[in-house]
N, C-alpha and C. Protein backbone atom coordinates (compact mmCIF):
# COMPACT_ATOMS: atom_id res chain seq x y z
N MET A 1 79.99 45.01 118.39
CA MET A 1 79.94 46.22 117.62
C MET A 1 80.71 47.32 118.34
N SER A 2 81.45 48.11 117.60
CA SER A 2 82.29 49.16 118.16
C SER A 2 81.46 50.35 118.61
N ALA A 3 81.97 51.06 119.62
CA ALA A 3 81.26 52.24 120.13
C ALA A 3 81.45 53.45 119.24
N THR A 4 82.44 53.42 118.40
CA THR A 4 82.67 54.55 117.50
C THR A 4 82.07 54.25 116.14
N SER A 5 81.57 55.28 115.49
CA SER A 5 80.98 55.10 114.16
C SER A 5 82.09 54.97 113.14
N PRO A 6 81.82 54.34 112.01
CA PRO A 6 82.85 54.18 110.97
C PRO A 6 83.37 55.53 110.49
N ALA A 7 82.52 56.53 110.38
CA ALA A 7 82.95 57.85 109.91
C ALA A 7 83.91 58.49 110.91
N ALA A 8 83.62 58.30 112.19
CA ALA A 8 84.46 58.91 113.22
C ALA A 8 85.83 58.27 113.25
N ALA A 9 85.93 57.02 112.85
CA ALA A 9 87.20 56.31 112.91
C ALA A 9 88.01 56.43 111.63
N SER A 10 87.46 57.05 110.60
CA SER A 10 88.17 57.12 109.33
C SER A 10 89.34 58.11 109.41
N PRO A 11 90.40 57.84 108.66
CA PRO A 11 91.54 58.77 108.66
C PRO A 11 91.15 60.16 108.18
N ALA A 12 90.24 60.26 107.22
CA ALA A 12 89.81 61.58 106.72
C ALA A 12 89.11 62.36 107.82
N ALA A 13 88.22 61.69 108.56
CA ALA A 13 87.51 62.37 109.65
C ALA A 13 88.49 62.78 110.74
N ASP A 14 89.45 61.91 111.02
CA ASP A 14 90.46 62.24 112.03
C ASP A 14 91.28 63.46 111.59
N ALA A 15 91.62 63.53 110.33
CA ALA A 15 92.41 64.66 109.81
C ALA A 15 91.61 65.95 109.90
N ILE A 16 90.32 65.88 109.61
CA ILE A 16 89.47 67.07 109.68
C ILE A 16 89.35 67.53 111.13
N ARG A 17 89.15 66.59 112.05
CA ARG A 17 89.07 66.96 113.47
C ARG A 17 90.39 67.56 113.94
N ALA A 18 91.50 66.99 113.52
CA ALA A 18 92.82 67.52 113.91
C ALA A 18 93.03 68.92 113.34
N ALA A 19 92.60 69.14 112.10
CA ALA A 19 92.74 70.47 111.49
C ALA A 19 91.86 71.48 112.23
N ALA A 20 90.64 71.07 112.58
CA ALA A 20 89.75 71.97 113.32
C ALA A 20 90.37 72.35 114.66
N GLN A 21 91.00 71.40 115.32
CA GLN A 21 91.66 71.70 116.60
C GLN A 21 92.83 72.65 116.38
N ARG A 22 93.59 72.47 115.31
CA ARG A 22 94.72 73.37 115.02
C ARG A 22 94.23 74.77 114.70
N VAL A 23 93.08 74.89 114.05
CA VAL A 23 92.50 76.21 113.78
C VAL A 23 92.12 76.86 115.11
N ARG A 24 91.46 76.10 115.99
CA ARG A 24 91.09 76.64 117.31
C ARG A 24 92.32 77.05 118.10
N ASN A 25 93.41 76.34 117.95
CA ASN A 25 94.65 76.67 118.66
C ASN A 25 95.40 77.83 118.02
N GLY A 26 94.97 78.24 116.84
CA GLY A 26 95.65 79.33 116.14
C GLY A 26 96.84 78.86 115.32
N ASP A 27 96.95 77.56 115.10
CA ASP A 27 98.08 77.00 114.34
C ASP A 27 97.81 76.94 112.84
N LEU A 28 96.56 77.06 112.45
CA LEU A 28 96.17 77.07 111.04
C LEU A 28 95.35 78.32 110.78
N TRP A 29 95.52 78.89 109.58
CA TRP A 29 94.84 80.14 109.25
C TRP A 29 94.19 80.03 107.89
N ARG A 30 93.12 80.77 107.74
CA ARG A 30 92.50 80.91 106.43
C ARG A 30 93.32 81.91 105.63
N VAL A 31 93.05 82.02 104.36
CA VAL A 31 93.88 82.81 103.46
C VAL A 31 93.96 84.28 103.88
N GLY A 32 92.88 84.84 104.37
CA GLY A 32 92.91 86.23 104.81
C GLY A 32 93.85 86.44 105.98
N GLN A 33 93.88 85.47 106.89
CA GLN A 33 94.78 85.55 108.03
C GLN A 33 96.23 85.40 107.58
N LEU A 34 96.47 84.51 106.62
CA LEU A 34 97.83 84.36 106.07
C LEU A 34 98.25 85.66 105.39
N ALA A 35 97.33 86.29 104.69
CA ALA A 35 97.63 87.56 104.03
C ALA A 35 98.05 88.60 105.07
N GLU A 36 97.34 88.66 106.19
CA GLU A 36 97.71 89.61 107.25
C GLU A 36 99.09 89.30 107.82
N LYS A 37 99.38 88.03 108.03
CA LYS A 37 100.66 87.63 108.62
C LYS A 37 101.84 87.92 107.69
N THR A 38 101.60 87.87 106.38
CA THR A 38 102.70 88.01 105.42
C THR A 38 102.75 89.37 104.74
N GLY A 39 101.71 90.18 104.93
CA GLY A 39 101.67 91.47 104.26
C GLY A 39 101.32 91.37 102.79
N LYS A 40 100.81 90.25 102.37
CA LYS A 40 100.41 90.05 100.98
C LYS A 40 98.90 90.21 100.87
N THR A 41 98.44 90.33 99.65
CA THR A 41 97.00 90.36 99.44
C THR A 41 96.50 88.93 99.25
N VAL A 42 95.22 88.74 99.48
CA VAL A 42 94.61 87.43 99.24
C VAL A 42 94.79 87.06 97.78
N ARG A 43 94.64 88.04 96.92
CA ARG A 43 94.80 87.78 95.48
C ARG A 43 96.21 87.28 95.16
N ALA A 44 97.22 87.90 95.78
CA ALA A 44 98.60 87.46 95.54
C ALA A 44 98.80 86.01 96.01
N LEU A 45 98.25 85.67 97.17
CA LEU A 45 98.39 84.31 97.69
C LEU A 45 97.69 83.31 96.78
N HIS A 46 96.54 83.69 96.25
CA HIS A 46 95.85 82.80 95.30
C HIS A 46 96.68 82.62 94.03
N LEU A 47 97.33 83.70 93.59
CA LEU A 47 98.20 83.60 92.41
C LEU A 47 99.36 82.66 92.70
N TYR A 48 99.95 82.76 93.89
CA TYR A 48 101.04 81.84 94.26
C TYR A 48 100.56 80.40 94.17
N GLU A 49 99.33 80.17 94.61
CA GLU A 49 98.77 78.82 94.54
C GLU A 49 98.60 78.38 93.09
N GLU A 50 98.05 79.27 92.26
CA GLU A 50 97.84 78.94 90.85
C GLU A 50 99.15 78.57 90.16
N LEU A 51 100.23 79.22 90.56
CA LEU A 51 101.54 78.97 89.96
C LEU A 51 102.25 77.78 90.59
N GLY A 52 101.66 77.18 91.61
CA GLY A 52 102.27 76.02 92.26
C GLY A 52 103.33 76.39 93.29
N LEU A 53 103.37 77.66 93.67
CA LEU A 53 104.37 78.11 94.65
C LEU A 53 103.91 77.92 96.09
N LEU A 54 102.63 77.84 96.30
CA LEU A 54 102.07 77.78 97.65
C LEU A 54 100.96 76.75 97.66
N HIS A 55 100.94 75.95 98.71
CA HIS A 55 99.89 74.94 98.86
C HIS A 55 99.35 75.02 100.28
N PRO A 56 98.03 74.90 100.43
CA PRO A 56 97.49 74.90 101.79
C PRO A 56 97.99 73.66 102.54
N ALA A 57 98.13 73.80 103.86
CA ALA A 57 98.54 72.66 104.68
C ALA A 57 97.44 71.60 104.69
N THR A 58 96.19 72.08 104.67
CA THR A 58 95.04 71.19 104.68
C THR A 58 93.81 72.01 104.31
N ARG A 59 92.66 71.39 104.37
CA ARG A 59 91.40 72.09 104.13
C ARG A 59 90.47 71.84 105.31
N SER A 60 89.61 72.82 105.53
CA SER A 60 88.62 72.66 106.61
C SER A 60 87.51 71.73 106.15
N LYS A 61 86.62 71.40 107.08
CA LYS A 61 85.48 70.56 106.74
C LYS A 61 84.64 71.21 105.65
N GLY A 62 84.60 72.55 105.65
CA GLY A 62 83.84 73.28 104.63
C GLY A 62 84.63 73.50 103.35
N GLY A 63 85.85 72.99 103.27
CA GLY A 63 86.66 73.10 102.05
C GLY A 63 87.54 74.33 101.97
N PHE A 64 87.58 75.13 103.06
CA PHE A 64 88.44 76.31 103.05
C PHE A 64 89.91 75.90 103.14
N ARG A 65 90.74 76.62 102.40
CA ARG A 65 92.18 76.39 102.47
C ARG A 65 92.67 76.82 103.84
N LEU A 66 93.53 76.02 104.43
CA LEU A 66 94.12 76.35 105.72
C LEU A 66 95.64 76.28 105.59
N TYR A 67 96.28 77.28 106.16
CA TYR A 67 97.73 77.43 106.03
C TYR A 67 98.38 77.38 107.40
N ASP A 68 99.67 77.03 107.40
CA ASP A 68 100.40 76.96 108.66
C ASP A 68 101.70 77.76 108.56
N GLU A 69 102.55 77.61 109.54
CA GLU A 69 103.81 78.38 109.60
C GLU A 69 104.69 78.12 108.38
N ARG A 70 104.64 76.91 107.83
CA ARG A 70 105.42 76.62 106.62
C ARG A 70 104.98 77.51 105.46
N SER A 71 103.71 77.85 105.44
CA SER A 71 103.18 78.73 104.39
C SER A 71 103.79 80.12 104.52
N VAL A 72 103.94 80.60 105.75
CA VAL A 72 104.58 81.90 105.98
C VAL A 72 106.01 81.85 105.47
N LEU A 73 106.72 80.77 105.80
CA LEU A 73 108.11 80.62 105.33
C LEU A 73 108.18 80.59 103.81
N ARG A 74 107.21 79.92 103.18
CA ARG A 74 107.21 79.83 101.71
C ARG A 74 106.99 81.21 101.10
N VAL A 75 106.07 82.00 101.66
CA VAL A 75 105.81 83.34 101.14
C VAL A 75 107.07 84.21 101.31
N GLN A 76 107.74 84.08 102.44
CA GLN A 76 108.99 84.83 102.65
C GLN A 76 110.05 84.39 101.65
N TRP A 77 110.11 83.11 101.34
CA TRP A 77 111.06 82.58 100.36
C TRP A 77 110.76 83.15 98.97
N ILE A 78 109.48 83.21 98.63
CA ILE A 78 109.08 83.79 97.34
C ILE A 78 109.53 85.25 97.27
N ASP A 79 109.33 85.98 98.37
CA ASP A 79 109.78 87.38 98.42
C ASP A 79 111.28 87.48 98.17
N ARG A 80 112.04 86.60 98.79
CA ARG A 80 113.50 86.62 98.63
C ARG A 80 113.89 86.35 97.18
N LEU A 81 113.23 85.38 96.56
CA LEU A 81 113.53 85.09 95.14
C LEU A 81 113.21 86.31 94.28
N GLN A 82 112.13 87.01 94.60
CA GLN A 82 111.81 88.21 93.84
C GLN A 82 112.87 89.28 94.08
N GLU A 83 113.41 89.38 95.29
CA GLU A 83 114.50 90.32 95.55
C GLU A 83 115.73 89.98 94.73
N LEU A 84 115.89 88.69 94.40
CA LEU A 84 117.01 88.26 93.57
C LEU A 84 116.73 88.46 92.08
N GLY A 85 115.54 88.97 91.76
CA GLY A 85 115.24 89.26 90.37
C GLY A 85 114.36 88.23 89.68
N PHE A 86 113.88 87.24 90.41
CA PHE A 86 113.02 86.23 89.82
C PHE A 86 111.61 86.79 89.63
N SER A 87 111.01 86.44 88.51
CA SER A 87 109.57 86.68 88.36
C SER A 87 108.88 85.52 89.08
N LEU A 88 107.58 85.65 89.28
CA LEU A 88 106.85 84.55 89.92
C LEU A 88 106.90 83.28 89.07
N LYS A 89 106.84 83.45 87.76
CA LYS A 89 106.92 82.27 86.89
C LYS A 89 108.30 81.63 86.98
N ASP A 90 109.37 82.45 87.04
CA ASP A 90 110.72 81.91 87.22
C ASP A 90 110.81 81.13 88.53
N ALA A 91 110.24 81.68 89.59
CA ALA A 91 110.27 81.02 90.89
C ALA A 91 109.53 79.69 90.83
N ALA A 92 108.40 79.66 90.12
CA ALA A 92 107.63 78.42 89.99
C ALA A 92 108.42 77.36 89.24
N VAL A 93 109.09 77.77 88.18
CA VAL A 93 109.92 76.83 87.41
C VAL A 93 111.07 76.32 88.28
N PHE A 94 111.72 77.23 88.99
CA PHE A 94 112.82 76.85 89.87
C PHE A 94 112.35 75.84 90.91
N LEU A 95 111.22 76.11 91.55
CA LEU A 95 110.70 75.20 92.57
C LEU A 95 110.33 73.85 91.95
N ALA A 96 109.71 73.87 90.79
CA ALA A 96 109.34 72.62 90.12
C ALA A 96 110.59 71.82 89.78
N ASP A 97 111.63 72.49 89.32
CA ASP A 97 112.89 71.80 89.01
C ASP A 97 113.48 71.15 90.25
N LEU A 98 113.43 71.86 91.37
CA LEU A 98 113.94 71.28 92.62
C LEU A 98 113.13 70.06 93.02
N GLN A 99 111.82 70.16 92.87
CA GLN A 99 110.95 69.07 93.28
C GLN A 99 110.99 67.90 92.31
N ASP A 100 111.53 68.11 91.11
CA ASP A 100 111.64 67.03 90.14
C ASP A 100 112.77 66.05 90.47
N HIS A 101 113.66 66.44 91.36
CA HIS A 101 114.73 65.52 91.76
C HIS A 101 114.13 64.35 92.52
N ASP A 102 114.61 63.17 92.19
CA ASP A 102 114.10 61.97 92.86
C ASP A 102 114.70 61.77 94.25
N HIS A 103 115.87 62.36 94.46
CA HIS A 103 116.57 62.12 95.71
C HIS A 103 116.89 63.44 96.40
N GLY A 104 116.71 63.44 97.71
CA GLY A 104 116.94 64.64 98.51
C GLY A 104 118.33 65.23 98.33
N PRO A 105 119.38 64.42 98.40
CA PRO A 105 120.72 65.00 98.26
C PRO A 105 120.93 65.72 96.92
N ALA A 106 120.37 65.19 95.85
CA ALA A 106 120.50 65.84 94.54
C ALA A 106 119.76 67.17 94.54
N ALA A 107 118.58 67.20 95.13
CA ALA A 107 117.82 68.45 95.20
C ALA A 107 118.56 69.49 96.04
N MET A 108 119.11 69.05 97.16
CA MET A 108 119.83 69.98 98.03
C MET A 108 121.14 70.45 97.38
N ASP A 109 121.78 69.58 96.58
CA ASP A 109 122.97 70.01 95.82
C ASP A 109 122.61 71.11 94.83
N ALA A 110 121.47 70.95 94.16
CA ALA A 110 121.02 71.96 93.20
C ALA A 110 120.70 73.27 93.92
N LEU A 111 120.05 73.16 95.07
CA LEU A 111 119.72 74.36 95.85
C LEU A 111 120.99 75.03 96.36
N ARG A 112 121.93 74.23 96.83
CA ARG A 112 123.21 74.76 97.32
C ARG A 112 123.95 75.50 96.20
N ALA A 113 124.00 74.90 95.02
CA ALA A 113 124.69 75.53 93.89
C ALA A 113 123.99 76.85 93.52
N PHE A 114 122.68 76.85 93.53
CA PHE A 114 121.93 78.06 93.23
C PHE A 114 122.24 79.15 94.24
N TYR A 115 122.18 78.80 95.53
CA TYR A 115 122.43 79.78 96.58
C TYR A 115 123.87 80.30 96.54
N ARG A 116 124.82 79.43 96.21
CA ARG A 116 126.21 79.90 96.08
C ARG A 116 126.33 80.94 94.97
N GLY A 117 125.71 80.66 93.84
CA GLY A 117 125.74 81.62 92.74
C GLY A 117 125.10 82.94 93.11
N LYS A 118 123.96 82.87 93.78
CA LYS A 118 123.27 84.09 94.19
C LYS A 118 124.07 84.84 95.27
N LEU A 119 124.78 84.12 96.12
CA LEU A 119 125.61 84.77 97.13
C LEU A 119 126.74 85.54 96.45
N ALA A 120 127.35 84.94 95.44
CA ALA A 120 128.42 85.63 94.69
C ALA A 120 127.86 86.88 94.01
N GLU A 121 126.67 86.77 93.42
CA GLU A 121 126.04 87.93 92.78
C GLU A 121 125.74 89.01 93.83
N THR A 122 125.30 88.60 95.01
CA THR A 122 124.99 89.54 96.08
C THR A 122 126.25 90.26 96.54
N HIS A 123 127.36 89.53 96.69
CA HIS A 123 128.63 90.16 97.07
C HIS A 123 129.06 91.19 96.03
N ALA A 124 128.90 90.85 94.76
CA ALA A 124 129.26 91.79 93.69
C ALA A 124 128.37 93.03 93.75
N ALA A 125 127.08 92.84 94.00
CA ALA A 125 126.17 93.98 94.09
C ALA A 125 126.52 94.86 95.29
N ILE A 126 126.88 94.23 96.40
CA ILE A 126 127.29 95.00 97.59
C ILE A 126 128.54 95.82 97.28
N ALA A 127 129.50 95.22 96.59
CA ALA A 127 130.73 95.95 96.24
C ALA A 127 130.40 97.14 95.34
N ARG A 128 129.49 96.95 94.37
CA ARG A 128 129.09 98.06 93.50
C ARG A 128 128.41 99.16 94.31
N LEU A 129 127.56 98.78 95.23
CA LEU A 129 126.86 99.77 96.06
C LEU A 129 127.82 100.49 97.00
N GLN A 130 128.82 99.78 97.51
CA GLN A 130 129.80 100.43 98.38
C GLN A 130 130.63 101.44 97.59
N ALA A 131 130.97 101.11 96.35
CA ALA A 131 131.71 102.06 95.51
C ALA A 131 130.83 103.28 95.21
N LEU A 132 129.56 103.05 94.95
CA LEU A 132 128.64 104.16 94.71
C LEU A 132 128.52 105.02 95.96
N GLU A 133 128.45 104.39 97.12
CA GLU A 133 128.38 105.12 98.38
C GLU A 133 129.61 106.01 98.56
N ALA A 134 130.78 105.47 98.26
CA ALA A 134 132.01 106.26 98.38
C ALA A 134 132.01 107.43 97.40
N ASP A 135 131.54 107.20 96.16
CA ASP A 135 131.45 108.29 95.18
C ASP A 135 130.50 109.38 95.65
N LEU A 136 129.37 108.98 96.19
CA LEU A 136 128.40 109.96 96.68
C LEU A 136 128.96 110.74 97.88
N ARG A 137 129.63 110.04 98.77
CA ARG A 137 130.21 110.70 99.94
C ARG A 137 131.27 111.72 99.50
N ASP A 138 132.15 111.32 98.57
CA ASP A 138 133.18 112.24 98.05
C ASP A 138 132.54 113.45 97.38
N SER A 139 131.49 113.20 96.62
CA SER A 139 130.80 114.29 95.93
C SER A 139 130.17 115.25 96.93
N LEU A 140 129.55 114.72 97.96
CA LEU A 140 128.93 115.58 98.97
C LEU A 140 129.97 116.39 99.73
N THR A 141 131.09 115.79 100.02
CA THR A 141 132.17 116.52 100.71
C THR A 141 132.65 117.66 99.83
N TYR A 142 132.87 117.39 98.56
CA TYR A 142 133.32 118.41 97.62
C TYR A 142 132.27 119.51 97.49
N LEU A 143 131.01 119.09 97.33
CA LEU A 143 129.93 120.07 97.14
C LEU A 143 129.69 120.91 98.38
N HIS A 144 130.01 120.39 99.54
CA HIS A 144 129.85 121.17 100.77
C HIS A 144 130.74 122.42 100.72
N THR A 145 131.93 122.28 100.13
CA THR A 145 132.83 123.43 100.04
C THR A 145 132.35 124.46 99.03
N CYS A 146 131.42 124.08 98.16
CA CYS A 146 130.89 125.03 97.19
C CYS A 146 130.07 126.13 97.87
N ARG A 147 129.74 125.93 99.09
CA ARG A 147 128.98 126.94 99.83
C ARG A 147 129.81 128.18 100.11
N SER A 148 131.11 128.09 99.88
CA SER A 148 131.98 129.25 100.15
C SER A 148 131.94 130.26 99.00
N CYS A 149 131.37 129.90 97.87
CA CYS A 149 131.26 130.83 96.75
C CYS A 149 130.17 131.86 97.05
N ALA A 150 130.29 133.00 96.43
CA ALA A 150 129.27 134.04 96.56
C ALA A 150 127.96 133.53 95.96
N ASP A 151 126.84 133.95 96.52
CA ASP A 151 125.53 133.48 96.08
C ASP A 151 125.27 133.74 94.60
N LEU A 152 125.82 134.82 94.04
CA LEU A 152 125.54 135.17 92.65
C LEU A 152 126.61 134.67 91.67
N THR A 153 127.48 133.76 92.12
CA THR A 153 128.49 133.20 91.22
C THR A 153 127.76 132.41 90.13
N PRO A 154 128.05 132.68 88.85
CA PRO A 154 127.35 131.96 87.78
C PRO A 154 127.77 130.48 87.76
N VAL A 155 126.84 129.64 87.38
CA VAL A 155 127.11 128.20 87.31
C VAL A 155 128.23 127.90 86.31
N SER A 156 128.39 128.72 85.30
CA SER A 156 129.44 128.52 84.30
C SER A 156 130.84 128.62 84.92
N ALA A 157 130.94 129.22 86.11
CA ALA A 157 132.25 129.35 86.77
C ALA A 157 132.64 128.09 87.55
N CYS A 158 131.71 127.21 87.77
CA CYS A 158 131.96 126.03 88.60
C CYS A 158 133.09 125.13 88.06
N PRO A 159 133.14 124.82 86.76
CA PRO A 159 134.22 123.94 86.31
C PRO A 159 135.62 124.53 86.52
N ALA A 160 135.72 125.82 86.53
CA ALA A 160 137.03 126.46 86.70
C ALA A 160 137.18 127.02 88.11
N CYS A 161 136.43 126.48 89.04
CA CYS A 161 136.42 126.98 90.41
C CYS A 161 137.84 126.99 90.97
N ASP A 162 138.20 128.13 91.49
CA ASP A 162 139.54 128.24 92.06
C ASP A 162 139.48 128.64 93.54
N THR A 163 138.35 128.38 94.15
CA THR A 163 138.22 128.74 95.56
C THR A 163 139.21 127.95 96.40
N ASN A 164 139.69 128.55 97.44
CA ASN A 164 140.63 127.89 98.33
C ASN A 164 140.03 126.67 99.01
N ALA A 165 138.71 126.64 99.10
CA ALA A 165 138.05 125.51 99.75
C ALA A 165 138.28 124.21 98.98
N HIS A 166 138.51 124.31 97.67
CA HIS A 166 138.76 123.13 96.85
C HIS A 166 140.24 122.87 96.64
N ALA A 167 141.09 123.65 97.25
CA ALA A 167 142.54 123.56 97.02
C ALA A 167 143.02 122.12 97.20
N GLY A 168 143.65 121.60 96.19
CA GLY A 168 144.23 120.27 96.22
C GLY A 168 143.23 119.13 96.10
N GLN A 169 141.97 119.47 95.92
CA GLN A 169 140.93 118.44 95.82
C GLN A 169 140.58 118.22 94.36
N ALA A 170 140.64 116.99 93.93
CA ALA A 170 140.19 116.67 92.57
C ALA A 170 138.66 116.72 92.56
N VAL A 171 138.11 117.14 91.44
CA VAL A 171 136.65 117.18 91.30
C VAL A 171 136.18 115.73 91.17
N PRO A 172 135.31 115.29 92.06
CA PRO A 172 134.79 113.92 91.94
C PRO A 172 134.08 113.72 90.60
N SER A 173 134.19 112.53 90.06
CA SER A 173 133.62 112.25 88.74
C SER A 173 132.12 112.51 88.68
N MET A 174 131.41 112.26 89.77
CA MET A 174 129.96 112.48 89.76
C MET A 174 129.60 113.97 89.78
N VAL A 175 130.55 114.83 90.12
CA VAL A 175 130.34 116.27 90.04
C VAL A 175 130.83 116.75 88.68
N ALA A 176 131.99 116.29 88.29
CA ALA A 176 132.58 116.71 87.01
C ALA A 176 131.69 116.34 85.83
N ALA A 177 130.98 115.22 85.95
CA ALA A 177 130.16 114.75 84.84
C ALA A 177 128.99 115.67 84.52
N VAL A 178 128.57 116.48 85.47
CA VAL A 178 127.42 117.34 85.23
C VAL A 178 127.82 118.79 84.97
N GLN A 179 129.10 119.07 85.08
CA GLN A 179 129.57 120.43 84.83
C GLN A 179 129.82 120.62 83.34
N GLU A 180 129.41 121.77 82.87
CA GLU A 180 129.67 122.15 81.46
C GLU A 180 131.01 122.87 81.42
N PRO A 181 131.80 122.65 80.37
CA PRO A 181 133.08 123.34 80.28
C PRO A 181 132.87 124.88 80.23
N ALA A 182 133.79 125.58 80.83
CA ALA A 182 133.71 127.05 80.87
C ALA A 182 134.01 127.63 79.51
């Protein structure tokens, strides 16, 4: 007869003991701890689970969900998808579509194609923001010279401003757009 009991030798019991040790080591966390690590609420993490976006790494002997570093990465990935404009439901569908691939290379090809498209969209957004930044900078430079006008100059005089401070400077479109004709 063996010195170990059948329950102690079972794979389920071994997994529970291993999970308990990982909790003691700080490698597994309950949902509240994951919420603290990710800056999310417990409710948000439960919603991610309901949508199939997040799964616990394992469960404790008492049935508590336990999460690991991969869970943190998944929450960060969900945040990134939301920054790209995905709703949580869109993210869940996207993840399910990726997981529906039978073969790793096909799934990674789909992910690669998605990321390429999003990178192109990100570059376009950056270009738009840089153009906006330049427009704002030009407008601020132009508006800085408006300080040379007398304090009681009527706003109606602004479109026809002939101050030397603006000499040779075109009125930036973001300034011209708000000026009423004289």
